[in-house]
Amino acid sequence: MILESRSIIFSDEELFLALRPVIESRGLSSDITIAGVITRLDEEGEVAVTLEVTDSEPLEFSSRELGAAVLNHCIDQGIPLPRGSYKELATRGDHIALIVRMESGAAHTEIDINDE
């Protein structure tokens, strides 16, 4: 079996665009200035993000919020995400990455070692 893995890495600006609907669903204006993005693993080992906002309290996002936000953003941007693929969040350096894994190909070969 062949395992294909693809990483979709989000710049800070693209991550903010993905999180705008979540920010607005909290009743906050998405017209804010981001001073920094802190990517980390929470106490359960899940990816979490803190947006440092100028003139306001930082905004915290859990893995569940991030996952939904980046999936929806990929769909909105037309980035193909195969339906049967395994998807997970990870960190790549200081950025968030959506890892997409797909299995394909045969699980065994038809080669007989006595056919020489």
PDB file of N, CA and C in Angstrom:
ATOM      1  N   MET A   1       0.838  -1.173   0.000  1.00  0.00           N
ATOM      2  CA  MET A   1       0.000   0.000   0.000  1.00  0.00           C
ATOM      3  C   MET A   1       0.885   1.239   0.000  1.00  0.00           C
ATOM      4  N   ILE A   2       0.460   2.237  -0.717  1.00  0.00           N
ATOM      5  CA  ILE A   2       1.186   3.498  -0.817  1.00  0.00           C
ATOM      6  C   ILE A   2       0.464   4.521   0.043  1.00  0.00           C
ATOM      7  N   LEU A   3       1.224   5.285   0.803  1.00  0.00           N
ATOM      8  CA  LEU A   3       0.666   6.348   1.622  1.00  0.00           C
ATOM      9  C   LEU A   3       1.174   7.674   1.090  1.00  0.00           C
ATOM     10  N   GLU A   4       0.250   8.527   0.683  1.00  0.00           N
ATOM     11  CA  GLU A   4       0.604   9.857   0.204  1.00  0.00           C
ATOM     12  C   GLU A   4       0.296  10.856   1.304  1.00  0.00           C
ATOM     13  N   SER A   5       1.209  11.769   1.553  1.00  0.00           N
ATOM     14  CA  SER A   5       1.019  12.789   2.579  1.00  0.00           C
ATOM     15  C   SER A   5       1.285  14.154   1.975  1.00  0.00           C
ATOM     16  N   ARG A   6       0.406  15.085   2.288  1.00  0.00           N
ATOM     17  CA  ARG A   6       0.536  16.447   1.765  1.00  0.00           C
ATOM     18  C   ARG A   6       0.377  17.411   2.930  1.00  0.00           C
ATOM     19  N   SER A   7       1.201  18.448   2.989  1.00  0.00           N
ATOM     20  CA  SER A   7       1.120  19.479   4.024  1.00  0.00           C
ATOM     21  C   SER A   7       0.660  20.782   3.401  1.00  0.00           C
ATOM     22  N   ILE A   8      -0.382  21.355   3.960  1.00  0.00           N
ATOM     23  CA  ILE A   8      -0.858  22.670   3.541  1.00  0.00           C
ATOM     24  C   ILE A   8      -0.499  23.614   4.682  1.00  0.00           C
ATOM     25  N   ILE A   9       0.496  24.450   4.441  1.00  0.00           N
ATOM     26  CA  ILE A   9       1.023  25.320   5.491  1.00  0.00           C
ATOM     27  C   ILE A   9       0.415  26.705   5.355  1.00  0.00           C
ATOM     28  N   PHE A  10      -0.092  27.224   6.470  1.00  0.00           N
ATOM     29  CA  PHE A  10      -0.772  28.511   6.487  1.00  0.00           C
ATOM     30  C   PHE A  10       0.165  29.605   7.001  1.00  0.00           C
ATOM     31  N   SER A  11       0.327  30.653   6.198  1.00  0.00           N
ATOM     32  CA  SER A  11       1.057  31.828   6.679  1.00  0.00           C
ATOM     33  C   SER A  11       0.207  32.472   7.775  1.00  0.00           C
ATOM     34  N   ASP A  12       0.796  33.367   8.542  1.00  0.00           N
ATOM     35  CA  ASP A  12       0.034  34.061   9.584  1.00  0.00           C
ATOM     36  C   ASP A  12      -1.155  34.806   8.987  1.00  0.00           C
ATOM     37  N   GLU A  13      -0.940  35.433   7.834  1.00  0.00           N
ATOM     38  CA  GLU A  13      -2.009  36.199   7.186  1.00  0.00           C
ATOM     39  C   GLU A  13      -3.141  35.282   6.728  1.00  0.00           C
ATOM     40  N   GLU A  14      -2.782  34.138   6.156  1.00  0.00           N
ATOM     41  CA  GLU A  14      -3.793  33.193   5.677  1.00  0.00           C
ATOM     42  C   GLU A  14      -4.534  32.554   6.846  1.00  0.00           C
ATOM     43  N   LEU A  15      -3.831  32.280   7.929  1.00  0.00           N
ATOM     44  CA  LEU A  15      -4.478  31.736   9.118  1.00  0.00           C
ATOM     45  C   LEU A  15      -5.484  32.737   9.683  1.00  0.00           C
ATOM     46  N   PHE A  16      -5.112  34.004   9.708  1.00  0.00           N
ATOM     47  CA  PHE A  16      -6.047  35.032  10.182  1.00  0.00           C
ATOM     48  C   PHE A  16      -7.295  35.069   9.300  1.00  0.00           C
ATOM     49  N   LEU A  17      -7.117  34.977   7.979  1.00  0.00           N
ATOM     50  CA  LEU A  17      -8.277  34.934   7.077  1.00  0.00           C
ATOM     51  C   LEU A  17      -9.163  33.726   7.376  1.00  0.00           C
ATOM     52  N   ALA A  18      -8.540  32.590   7.647  1.00  0.00           N
ATOM     53  CA  ALA A  18      -9.303  31.386   7.964  1.00  0.00           C
ATOM     54  C   ALA A  18     -10.065  31.539   9.276  1.00  0.00           C
ATOM     55  N   LEU A  19      -9.476  32.266  10.224  1.00  0.00           N
ATOM     56  CA  LEU A  19     -10.097  32.425  11.545  1.00  0.00           C
ATOM     57  C   LEU A  19     -11.123  33.552  11.621  1.00  0.00           C
ATOM     58  N   ARG A  20     -11.224  34.388  10.594  1.00  0.00           N
ATOM     59  CA  ARG A  20     -12.167  35.508  10.638  1.00  0.00           C
ATOM     60  C   ARG A  20     -13.596  35.090  10.960  1.00  0.00           C
ATOM     61  N   PRO A  21     -14.138  34.031  10.337  1.00  0.00           N
ATOM     62  CA  PRO A  21     -15.508  33.626  10.700  1.00  0.00           C
ATOM     63  C   PRO A  21     -15.640  33.216  12.173  1.00  0.00           C
ATOM     64  N   VAL A  22     -14.605  32.606  12.732  1.00  0.00           N
ATOM     65  CA  VAL A  22     -14.637  32.211  14.139  1.00  0.00           C
ATOM     66  C   VAL A  22     -14.622  33.457  15.020  1.00  0.00           C
ATOM     67  N   ILE A  23     -13.782  34.418  14.659  1.00  0.00           N
ATOM     68  CA  ILE A  23     -13.714  35.678  15.411  1.00  0.00           C
ATOM     69  C   ILE A  23     -15.067  36.373  15.381  1.00  0.00           C
ATOM     70  N   GLU A  24     -15.672  36.447  14.208  1.00  0.00           N
ATOM     71  CA  GLU A  24     -16.974  37.107  14.075  1.00  0.00           C
ATOM     72  C   GLU A  24     -18.072  36.340  14.813  1.00  0.00           C
ATOM     73  N   SER A  25     -17.975  35.005  14.872  1.00  0.00           N
ATOM     74  CA  SER A  25     -18.978  34.217  15.595  1.00  0.00           C
ATOM     75  C   SER A  25     -18.907  34.454  17.102  1.00  0.00           C
ATOM     76  N   ARG A  26     -17.787  34.966  17.561  1.00  0.00           N
ATOM     77  CA  ARG A  26     -17.637  35.326  18.979  1.00  0.00           C
ATOM     78  C   ARG A  26     -18.189  36.715  19.272  1.00  0.00           C
ATOM     79  N   GLY A  27     -18.734  37.352  18.256  1.00  0.00           N
ATOM     80  CA  GLY A  27     -19.285  38.693  18.433  1.00  0.00           C
ATOM     81  C   GLY A  27     -18.236  39.787  18.380  1.00  0.00           C
ATOM     82  N   LEU A  28     -17.058  39.464  17.890  1.00  0.00           N
ATOM     83  CA  LEU A  28     -15.977  40.440  17.783  1.00  0.00           C
ATOM     84  C   LEU A  28     -15.843  40.905  16.351  1.00  0.00           C
ATOM     85  N   SER A  29     -15.289  42.069  16.181  1.00  0.00           N
ATOM     86  CA  SER A  29     -15.023  42.581  14.841  1.00  0.00           C
ATOM     87  C   SER A  29     -13.772  41.913  14.297  1.00  0.00           C
ATOM     88  N   SER A  30     -13.820  41.517  13.029  1.00  0.00           N
ATOM     89  CA  SER A  30     -12.627  40.934  12.408  1.00  0.00           C
ATOM     90  C   SER A  30     -11.721  42.032  11.855  1.00  0.00           C
ATOM     91  N   ASP A  31     -12.104  43.283  12.064  1.00  0.00           N
ATOM     92  CA  ASP A  31     -11.298  44.423  11.639  1.00  0.00           C
ATOM     93  C   ASP A  31     -10.333  44.784  12.765  1.00  0.00           C
ATOM     94  N   ILE A  32      -9.387  43.875  13.013  1.00  0.00           N
ATOM     95  CA  ILE A  32      -8.416  44.053  14.080  1.00  0.00           C
ATOM     96  C   ILE A  32      -7.016  43.959  13.493  1.00  0.00           C
ATOM     97  N   THR A  33      -6.061  44.477  14.227  1.00  0.00           N
ATOM     98  CA  THR A  33      -4.669  44.404  13.797  1.00  0.00           C
ATOM     99  C   THR A  33      -3.961  43.342  14.622  1.00  0.00           C
ATOM    100  N   ILE A  34      -3.404  42.369  13.930  1.00  0.00           N
ATOM    101  CA  ILE A  34      -2.702  41.278  14.593  1.00  0.00           C
ATOM    102  C   ILE A  34      -1.244  41.672  14.802  1.00  0.00           C
ATOM    103  N   ALA A  35      -0.810  41.592  16.057  1.00  0.00           N
ATOM    104  CA  ALA A  35       0.576  41.912  16.392  1.00  0.00           C
ATOM    105  C   ALA A  35       1.468  40.671  16.323  1.00  0.00           C
ATOM    106  N   GLY A  36       0.866  39.493  16.457  1.00  0.00           N
ATOM    107  CA  GLY A  36       1.650  38.270  16.405  1.00  0.00           C
ATOM    108  C   GLY A  36       0.769  37.047  16.494  1.00  0.00           C
ATOM    109  N   VAL A  37       1.320  35.922  16.073  1.00  0.00           N
ATOM    110  CA  VAL A  37       0.628  34.646  16.136  1.00  0.00           C
ATOM    111  C   VAL A  37       1.527  33.676  16.898  1.00  0.00           C
ATOM    112  N   ILE A  38       0.982  33.084  17.952  1.00  0.00           N
ATOM    113  CA  ILE A  38       1.731  32.113  18.739  1.00  0.00           C
ATOM    114  C   ILE A  38       1.094  30.741  18.508  1.00  0.00           C
ATOM    115  N   THR A  39       1.877  29.841  17.946  1.00  0.00           N
ATOM    116  CA  THR A  39       1.437  28.474  17.689  1.00  0.00           C
ATOM    117  C   THR A  39       2.075  27.580  18.734  1.00  0.00           C
ATOM    118  N   ARG A  40       1.269  26.694  19.333  1.00  0.00           N
ATOM    119  CA  ARG A  40       1.792  25.838  20.392  1.00  0.00           C
ATOM    120  C   ARG A  40       0.959  24.563  20.482  1.00  0.00           C
ATOM    121  N   LEU A  41       1.426  23.641  21.296  1.00  0.00           N
ATOM    122  CA  LEU A  41       0.645  22.463  21.646  1.00  0.00           C
ATOM    123  C   LEU A  41       0.059  22.704  23.032  1.00  0.00           C
ATOM    124  N   ASP A  42      -1.236  22.414  23.181  1.00  0.00           N
ATOM    125  CA  ASP A  42      -1.860  22.606  24.485  1.00  0.00           C
ATOM    126  C   ASP A  42      -1.512  21.449  25.416  1.00  0.00           C
ATOM    127  N   GLU A  43      -2.102  21.441  26.613  1.00  0.00           N
ATOM    128  CA  GLU A  43      -1.777  20.417  27.616  1.00  0.00           C
ATOM    129  C   GLU A  43      -2.166  19.002  27.174  1.00  0.00           C
ATOM    130  N   GLU A  44      -3.029  18.887  26.183  1.00  0.00           N
ATOM    131  CA  GLU A  44      -3.423  17.571  25.666  1.00  0.00           C
ATOM    132  C   GLU A  44      -2.625  17.183  24.416  1.00  0.00           C
ATOM    133  N   GLY A  45      -1.662  18.016  24.032  1.00  0.00           N
ATOM    134  CA  GLY A  45      -0.845  17.738  22.862  1.00  0.00           C
ATOM    135  C   GLY A  45      -1.492  18.140  21.550  1.00  0.00           C
ATOM    136  N   GLU A  46      -2.581  18.892  21.626  1.00  0.00           N
ATOM    137  CA  GLU A  46      -3.279  19.364  20.429  1.00  0.00           C
ATOM    138  C   GLU A  46      -2.762  20.747  20.036  1.00  0.00           C
ATOM    139  N   VAL A  47      -2.833  21.048  18.749  1.00  0.00           N
ATOM    140  CA  VAL A  47      -2.380  22.345  18.237  1.00  0.00           C
ATOM    141  C   VAL A  47      -3.346  23.435  18.704  1.00  0.00           C
ATOM    142  N   ALA A  48      -2.800  24.525  19.185  1.00  0.00           N
ATOM    143  CA  ALA A  48      -3.587  25.685  19.602  1.00  0.00           C
ATOM    144  C   ALA A  48      -2.883  26.944  19.114  1.00  0.00           C
ATOM    145  N   VAL A  49      -3.641  28.027  19.015  1.00  0.00           N
ATOM    146  CA  VAL A  49      -3.088  29.292  18.525  1.00  0.00           C
ATOM    147  C   VAL A  49      -3.583  30.438  19.397  1.00  0.00           C
ATOM    148  N   THR A  50      -2.696  31.392  19.617  1.00  0.00           N
ATOM    149  CA  THR A  50      -3.060  32.655  20.252  1.00  0.00           C
ATOM    150  C   THR A  50      -2.745  33.768  19.268  1.00  0.00           C
ATOM    151  N   LEU A  51      -3.749  34.591  18.982  1.00  0.00           N
ATOM    152  CA  LEU A  51      -3.526  35.788  18.167  1.00  0.00           C
ATOM    153  C   LEU A  51      -3.313  36.949  19.119  1.00  0.00           C
ATOM    154  N   GLU A  52      -2.143  37.567  19.026  1.00  0.00           N
ATOM    155  CA  GLU A  52      -1.872  38.777  19.807  1.00  0.00           C
ATOM    156  C   GLU A  52      -2.432  39.952  19.027  1.00  0.00           C
ATOM    157  N   VAL A  53      -3.340  40.676  19.663  1.00  0.00           N
ATOM    158  CA  VAL A  53      -4.059  41.760  19.009  1.00  0.00           C
ATOM    159  C   VAL A  53      -3.614  43.089  19.620  1.00  0.00           C
ATOM    160  N   THR A  54      -3.332  44.091  18.776  1.00  0.00           N
ATOM    161  CA  THR A  54      -2.979  45.406  19.301  1.00  0.00           C
ATOM    162  C   THR A  54      -4.223  46.030  19.927  1.00  0.00           C
ATOM    163  N   ASP A  55      -4.058  46.659  21.058  1.00  0.00           N
ATOM    164  CA  ASP A  55      -5.125  47.365  21.772  1.00  0.00           C
ATOM    165  C   ASP A  55      -6.271  46.467  22.211  1.00  0.00           C
ATOM    166  N   SER A  56      -5.991  45.182  22.484  1.00  0.00           N
ATOM    167  CA  SER A  56      -7.043  44.271  22.929  1.00  0.00           C
ATOM    168  C   SER A  56      -6.401  43.037  23.567  1.00  0.00           C
ATOM    169  N   GLU A  57      -7.237  42.254  24.210  1.00  0.00           N
ATOM    170  CA  GLU A  57      -6.778  40.999  24.807  1.00  0.00           C
ATOM    171  C   GLU A  57      -6.449  39.981  23.710  1.00  0.00           C
ATOM    172  N   PRO A  58      -5.511  39.083  23.964  1.00  0.00           N
ATOM    173  CA  PRO A  58      -5.204  38.037  22.973  1.00  0.00           C
ATOM    174  C   PRO A  58      -6.424  37.147  22.740  1.00  0.00           C
ATOM    175  N   LEU A  59      -6.489  36.569  21.557  1.00  0.00           N
ATOM    176  CA  LEU A  59      -7.570  35.651  21.199  1.00  0.00           C
ATOM    177  C   LEU A  59      -7.006  34.235  21.143  1.00  0.00           C
ATOM    178  N   GLU A  60      -7.643  33.321  21.874  1.00  0.00           N
ATOM    179  CA  GLU A  60      -7.204  31.931  21.942  1.00  0.00           C
ATOM    180  C   GLU A  60      -8.099  31.068  21.050  1.00  0.00           C
ATOM    181  N   PHE A  61      -7.481  30.102  20.366  1.00  0.00           N
ATOM    182  CA  PHE A  61      -8.220  29.188  19.497  1.00  0.00           C
ATOM    183  C   PHE A  61      -7.775  27.762  19.777  1.00  0.00           C
ATOM    184  N   SER A  62      -8.745  26.904  20.007  1.00  0.00           N
ATOM    185  CA  SER A  62      -8.472  25.492  20.280  1.00  0.00           C
ATOM    186  C   SER A  62      -8.249  24.738  18.968  1.00  0.00           C
ATOM    187  N   SER A  63      -7.789  23.523  19.101  1.00  0.00           N
ATOM    188  CA  SER A  63      -7.568  22.663  17.941  1.00  0.00           C
ATOM    189  C   SER A  63      -8.868  22.444  17.163  1.00  0.00           C
ATOM    190  N   ARG A  64      -9.957  22.269  17.867  1.00  0.00           N
ATOM    191  CA  ARG A  64     -11.252  22.051  17.210  1.00  0.00           C
ATOM    192  C   ARG A  64     -11.644  23.263  16.360  1.00  0.00           C
ATOM    193  N   GLU A  65     -11.474  24.469  16.912  1.00  0.00           N
ATOM    194  CA  GLU A  65     -11.791  25.687  16.156  1.00  0.00           C
ATOM    195  C   GLU A  65     -10.858  25.846  14.960  1.00  0.00           C
ATOM    196  N   LEU A  66      -9.569  25.591  15.182  1.00  0.00           N
ATOM    197  CA  LEU A  66      -8.584  25.699  14.101  1.00  0.00           C
ATOM    198  C   LEU A  66      -8.879  24.719  12.980  1.00  0.00           C
ATOM    199  N   GLY A  67      -9.168  23.477  13.352  1.00  0.00           N
ATOM    200  CA  GLY A  67      -9.438  22.452  12.353  1.00  0.00           C
ATOM    201  C   GLY A  67     -10.604  22.828  11.454  1.00  0.00           C
ATOM    202  N   ALA A  68     -11.709  23.237  12.070  1.00  0.00           N
ATOM    203  CA  ALA A  68     -12.882  23.632  11.287  1.00  0.00           C
ATOM    204  C   ALA A  68     -12.568  24.844  10.421  1.00  0.00           C
ATOM    205  N   ALA A  69     -11.831  25.811  10.979  1.00  0.00           N
ATOM    206  CA  ALA A  69     -11.526  27.043  10.244  1.00  0.00           C
ATOM    207  C   ALA A  69     -10.642  26.766   9.019  1.00  0.00           C
ATOM    208  N   VAL A  70      -9.603  25.970   9.187  1.00  0.00           N
ATOM    209  CA  VAL A  70      -8.707  25.730   8.052  1.00  0.00           C
ATOM    210  C   VAL A  70      -9.363  24.826   7.005  1.00  0.00           C
ATOM    211  N   LEU A  71     -10.173  23.851   7.431  1.00  0.00           N
ATOM    212  CA  LEU A  71     -10.905  23.026   6.461  1.00  0.00           C
ATOM    213  C   LEU A  71     -11.857  23.879   5.632  1.00  0.00           C
ATOM    214  N   ASN A  72     -12.633  24.712   6.304  1.00  0.00           N
ATOM    215  CA  ASN A  72     -13.568  25.584   5.584  1.00  0.00           C
ATOM    216  C   ASN A  72     -12.837  26.553   4.667  1.00  0.00           C
ATOM    217  N   HIS A  73     -11.701  27.050   5.114  1.00  0.00           N
ATOM    218  CA  HIS A  73     -10.922  27.981   4.294  1.00  0.00           C
ATOM    219  C   HIS A  73     -10.395  27.281   3.035  1.00  0.00           C
ATOM    220  N   CYS A  74      -9.909  26.059   3.191  1.00  0.00           N
ATOM    221  CA  CYS A  74      -9.430  25.301   2.032  1.00  0.00           C
ATOM    222  C   CYS A  74     -10.569  25.081   1.035  1.00  0.00           C
ATOM    223  N   ILE A  75     -11.739  24.725   1.534  1.00  0.00           N
ATOM    224  CA  ILE A  75     -12.898  24.518   0.661  1.00  0.00           C
ATOM    225  C   ILE A  75     -13.254  25.818  -0.056  1.00  0.00           C
ATOM    226  N   ASP A  76     -13.294  26.920   0.699  1.00  0.00           N
ATOM    227  CA  ASP A  76     -13.619  28.225   0.097  1.00  0.00           C
ATOM    228  C   ASP A  76     -12.606  28.642  -0.962  1.00  0.00           C
ATOM    229  N   GLN A  77     -11.347  28.267  -0.780  1.00  0.00           N
ATOM    230  CA  GLN A  77     -10.284  28.652  -1.714  1.00  0.00           C
ATOM    231  C   GLN A  77     -10.106  27.646  -2.853  1.00  0.00           C
ATOM    232  N   GLY A  78     -10.886  26.577  -2.847  1.00  0.00           N
ATOM    233  CA  GLY A  78     -10.806  25.587  -3.915  1.00  0.00           C
ATOM    234  C   GLY A  78      -9.609  24.651  -3.814  1.00  0.00           C
ATOM    235  N   ILE A  79      -9.070  24.500  -2.624  1.00  0.00           N
ATOM    236  CA  ILE A  79      -7.949  23.582  -2.421  1.00  0.00           C
ATOM    237  C   ILE A  79      -8.527  22.178  -2.258  1.00  0.00           C
ATOM    238  N   PRO A  80      -8.124  21.244  -3.102  1.00  0.00           N
ATOM    239  CA  PRO A  80      -8.730  19.910  -3.032  1.00  0.00           C
ATOM    240  C   PRO A  80      -8.361  19.155  -1.751  1.00  0.00           C
ATOM    241  N   LEU A  81      -9.391  18.636  -1.101  1.00  0.00           N
ATOM    242  CA  LEU A  81      -9.226  17.819   0.094  1.00  0.00           C
ATOM    243  C   LEU A  81     -10.022  16.532  -0.116  1.00  0.00           C
ATOM    244  N   PRO A  82      -9.362  15.449  -0.488  1.00  0.00           N
ATOM    245  CA  PRO A  82     -10.080  14.207  -0.755  1.00  0.00           C
ATOM    246  C   PRO A  82     -10.941  13.785   0.436  1.00  0.00           C
ATOM    247  N   ARG A  83     -12.161  13.408   0.152  1.00  0.00           N
ATOM    248  CA  ARG A  83     -13.141  13.083   1.179  1.00  0.00           C
ATOM    249  C   ARG A  83     -12.681  11.956   2.100  1.00  0.00           C
ATOM    250  N   GLY A  84     -12.075  10.920   1.564  1.00  0.00           N
ATOM    251  CA  GLY A  84     -11.682   9.769   2.363  1.00  0.00           C
ATOM    252  C   GLY A  84     -10.318   9.890   3.010  1.00  0.00           C
ATOM    253  N   SER A  85      -9.726  11.050   2.962  1.00  0.00           N
ATOM    254  CA  SER A  85      -8.376  11.207   3.499  1.00  0.00           C
ATOM    255  C   SER A  85      -8.403  11.479   5.000  1.00  0.00           C
ATOM    256  N   TYR A  86      -7.293  11.148   5.643  1.00  0.00           N
ATOM    257  CA  TYR A  86      -7.091  11.430   7.052  1.00  0.00           C
ATOM    258  C   TYR A  86      -6.505  12.835   7.146  1.00  0.00           C
ATOM    259  N   LYS A  87      -7.089  13.669   7.994  1.00  0.00           N
ATOM    260  CA  LYS A  87      -6.627  15.053   8.116  1.00  0.00           C
ATOM    261  C   LYS A  87      -6.266  15.331   9.572  1.00  0.00           C
ATOM    262  N   GLU A  88      -5.151  16.043   9.752  1.00  0.00           N
ATOM    263  CA  GLU A  88      -4.753  16.421  11.104  1.00  0.00           C
ATOM    264  C   GLU A  88      -4.018  17.754  11.077  1.00  0.00           C
ATOM    265  N   LEU A  89      -4.071  18.455  12.196  1.00  0.00           N
ATOM    266  CA  LEU A  89      -3.323  19.703  12.348  1.00  0.00           C
ATOM    267  C   LEU A  89      -1.958  19.399  12.929  1.00  0.00           C
ATOM    268  N   ALA A  90      -0.978  20.172  12.512  1.00  0.00           N
ATOM    269  CA  ALA A  90       0.377  20.036  13.031  1.00  0.00           C
ATOM    270  C   ALA A  90       1.025  21.413  12.998  1.00  0.00           C
ATOM    271  N   THR A  91       2.177  21.514  13.618  1.00  0.00           N
ATOM    272  CA  THR A  91       2.953  22.742  13.523  1.00  0.00           C
ATOM    273  C   THR A  91       4.135  22.473  12.607  1.00  0.00           C
ATOM    274  N   ARG A  92       4.443  23.446  11.790  1.00  0.00           N
ATOM    275  CA  ARG A  92       5.620  23.409  10.917  1.00  0.00           C
ATOM    276  C   ARG A  92       6.357  24.713  11.171  1.00  0.00           C
ATOM    277  N   GLY A  93       7.389  24.614  11.993  1.00  0.00           N
ATOM    278  CA  GLY A  93       8.067  25.830  12.419  1.00  0.00           C
ATOM    279  C   GLY A  93       7.105  26.627  13.283  1.00  0.00           C
ATOM    280  N   ASP A  94       6.886  27.882  12.910  1.00  0.00           N
ATOM    281  CA  ASP A  94       5.972  28.745  13.651  1.00  0.00           C
ATOM    282  C   ASP A  94       4.581  28.793  13.026  1.00  0.00           C
ATOM    283  N   HIS A  95       4.298  27.894  12.093  1.00  0.00           N
ATOM    284  CA  HIS A  95       3.037  27.958  11.358  1.00  0.00           C
ATOM    285  C   HIS A  95       2.175  26.722  11.593  1.00  0.00           C
ATOM    286  N   ILE A  96       0.904  26.877  11.275  1.00  0.00           N
ATOM    287  CA  ILE A  96      -0.060  25.780  11.329  1.00  0.00           C
ATOM    288  C   ILE A  96      -0.045  25.071   9.980  1.00  0.00           C
ATOM    289  N   ALA A  97      -0.109  23.752  10.021  1.00  0.00           N
ATOM    290  CA  ALA A  97      -0.187  22.972   8.789  1.00  0.00           C
ATOM    291  C   ALA A  97      -1.349  21.996   8.904  1.00  0.00           C
ATOM    292  N   LEU A  98      -2.058  21.831   7.812  1.00  0.00           N
ATOM    293  CA  LEU A  98      -3.071  20.800   7.705  1.00  0.00           C
ATOM    294  C   LEU A  98      -2.417  19.657   6.938  1.00  0.00           C
ATOM    295  N   ILE A  99      -2.294  18.504   7.576  1.00  0.00           N
ATOM    296  CA  ILE A  99      -1.685  17.329   6.954  1.00  0.00           C
ATOM    297  C   ILE A  99      -2.817  16.473   6.391  1.00  0.00           C
ATOM    298  N   VAL A 100      -2.707  16.132   5.119  1.00  0.00           N
ATOM    299  CA  VAL A 100      -3.702  15.312   4.439  1.00  0.00           C
ATOM    300  C   VAL A 100      -3.008  14.028   4.014  1.00  0.00           C
ATOM    301  N   ARG A 101      -3.518  12.868   4.478  1.00  0.00           N
ATOM    302  CA  ARG A 101      -2.924  11.572   4.142  1.00  0.00           C
ATOM    303  C   ARG A 101      -3.946  10.710   3.423  1.00  0.00           C
ATOM    304  N   MET A 102      -3.482  10.051   2.354  1.00  0.00           N
ATOM    305  CA  MET A 102      -4.340   9.165   1.574  1.00  0.00           C
ATOM    306  C   MET A 102      -3.617   7.853   1.322  1.00  0.00           C
ATOM    307  N   GLU A 103      -4.353   6.769   1.406  1.00  0.00           N
ATOM    308  CA  GLU A 103      -3.808   5.462   1.078  1.00  0.00           C
ATOM    309  C   GLU A 103      -4.265   5.101  -0.326  1.00  0.00           C
ATOM    310  N   SER A 104      -3.351   4.521  -1.093  1.00  0.00           N
ATOM    311  CA  SER A 104      -3.713   4.094  -2.439  1.00  0.00           C
ATOM    312  C   SER A 104      -2.819   2.931  -2.838  1.00  0.00           C
ATOM    313  N   GLY A 105      -3.164   2.286  -3.920  1.00  0.00           N
ATOM    314  CA  GLY A 105      -2.352   1.186  -4.427  1.00  0.00           C
ATOM    315  C   GLY A 105      -2.698  -0.131  -3.781  1.00  0.00           C
ATOM    316  N   ALA A 106      -2.100  -1.178  -4.289  1.00  0.00           N
ATOM    317  CA  ALA A 106      -2.340  -2.528  -3.802  1.00  0.00           C
ATOM    318  C   ALA A 106      -1.605  -2.767  -2.491  1.00  0.00           C
ATOM    319  N   ALA A 107      -2.172  -3.623  -1.658  1.00  0.00           N
ATOM    320  CA  ALA A 107      -1.552  -3.959  -0.379  1.00  0.00           C
ATOM    321  C   ALA A 107      -0.443  -4.991  -0.551  1.00  0.00           C
ATOM    322  N   HIS A 108      -0.393  -5.705  -1.700  1.00  0.00           N
ATOM    323  CA  HIS A 108       0.645  -6.702  -1.940  1.00  0.00           C
ATOM    324  C   HIS A 108       0.972  -6.718  -3.431  1.00  0.00           C
ATOM    325  N   THR A 109       2.058  -7.373  -3.761  1.00  0.00           N
ATOM    326  CA  THR A 109       2.459  -7.451  -5.163  1.00  0.00           C
ATOM    327  C   THR A 109       2.168  -8.842  -5.704  1.00  0.00           C
ATOM    328  N   GLU A 110       2.171  -8.971  -7.002  1.00  0.00           N
ATOM    329  CA  GLU A 110       1.905 -10.239  -7.678  1.00  0.00           C
ATOM    330  C   GLU A 110       3.217 -10.907  -8.117  1.00  0.00           C
ATOM    331  N   ILE A 111       4.334 -10.529  -7.558  1.00  0.00           N
ATOM    332  CA  ILE A 111       5.638 -11.054  -7.972  1.00  0.00           C
ATOM    333  C   ILE A 111       5.890 -12.380  -7.265  1.00  0.00           C
ATOM    334  N   ASP A 112       6.225 -13.399  -8.034  1.00  0.00           N
ATOM    335  CA  ASP A 112       6.582 -14.697  -7.489  1.00  0.00           C
ATOM    336  C   ASP A 112       8.101 -14.818  -7.574  1.00  0.00           C
ATOM    337  N   ILE A 113       8.764 -15.013  -6.455  1.00  0.00           N
ATOM    338  CA  ILE A 113      10.227 -15.024  -6.468  1.00  0.00           C
ATOM    339  C   ILE A 113      10.794 -16.248  -7.187  1.00  0.00           C
ATOM    340  N   ASN A 114       9.971 -17.239  -7.519  1.00  0.00           N
ATOM    341  CA  ASN A 114      10.438 -18.434  -8.226  1.00  0.00           C
ATOM    342  C   ASN A 114      10.330 -18.283  -9.741  1.00  0.00           C
ATOM    343  N   ASP A 115       9.899 -17.155 -10.255  1.00  0.00           N
ATOM    344  CA  ASP A 115       9.697 -16.931 -11.680  1.00  0.00           C
ATOM    345  C   ASP A 115      10.960 -16.441 -12.390  1.00  0.00           C
ATOM    346  N   GLU A 116      12.106 -16.720 -11.917  1.00  0.00           N
ATOM    347  CA  GLU A 116      13.311 -16.178 -12.521  1.00  0.00           C
ATOM    348  C   GLU A 116      13.683 -16.920 -13.758  1.00  0.00           C
TER     349      GLU A 116
END
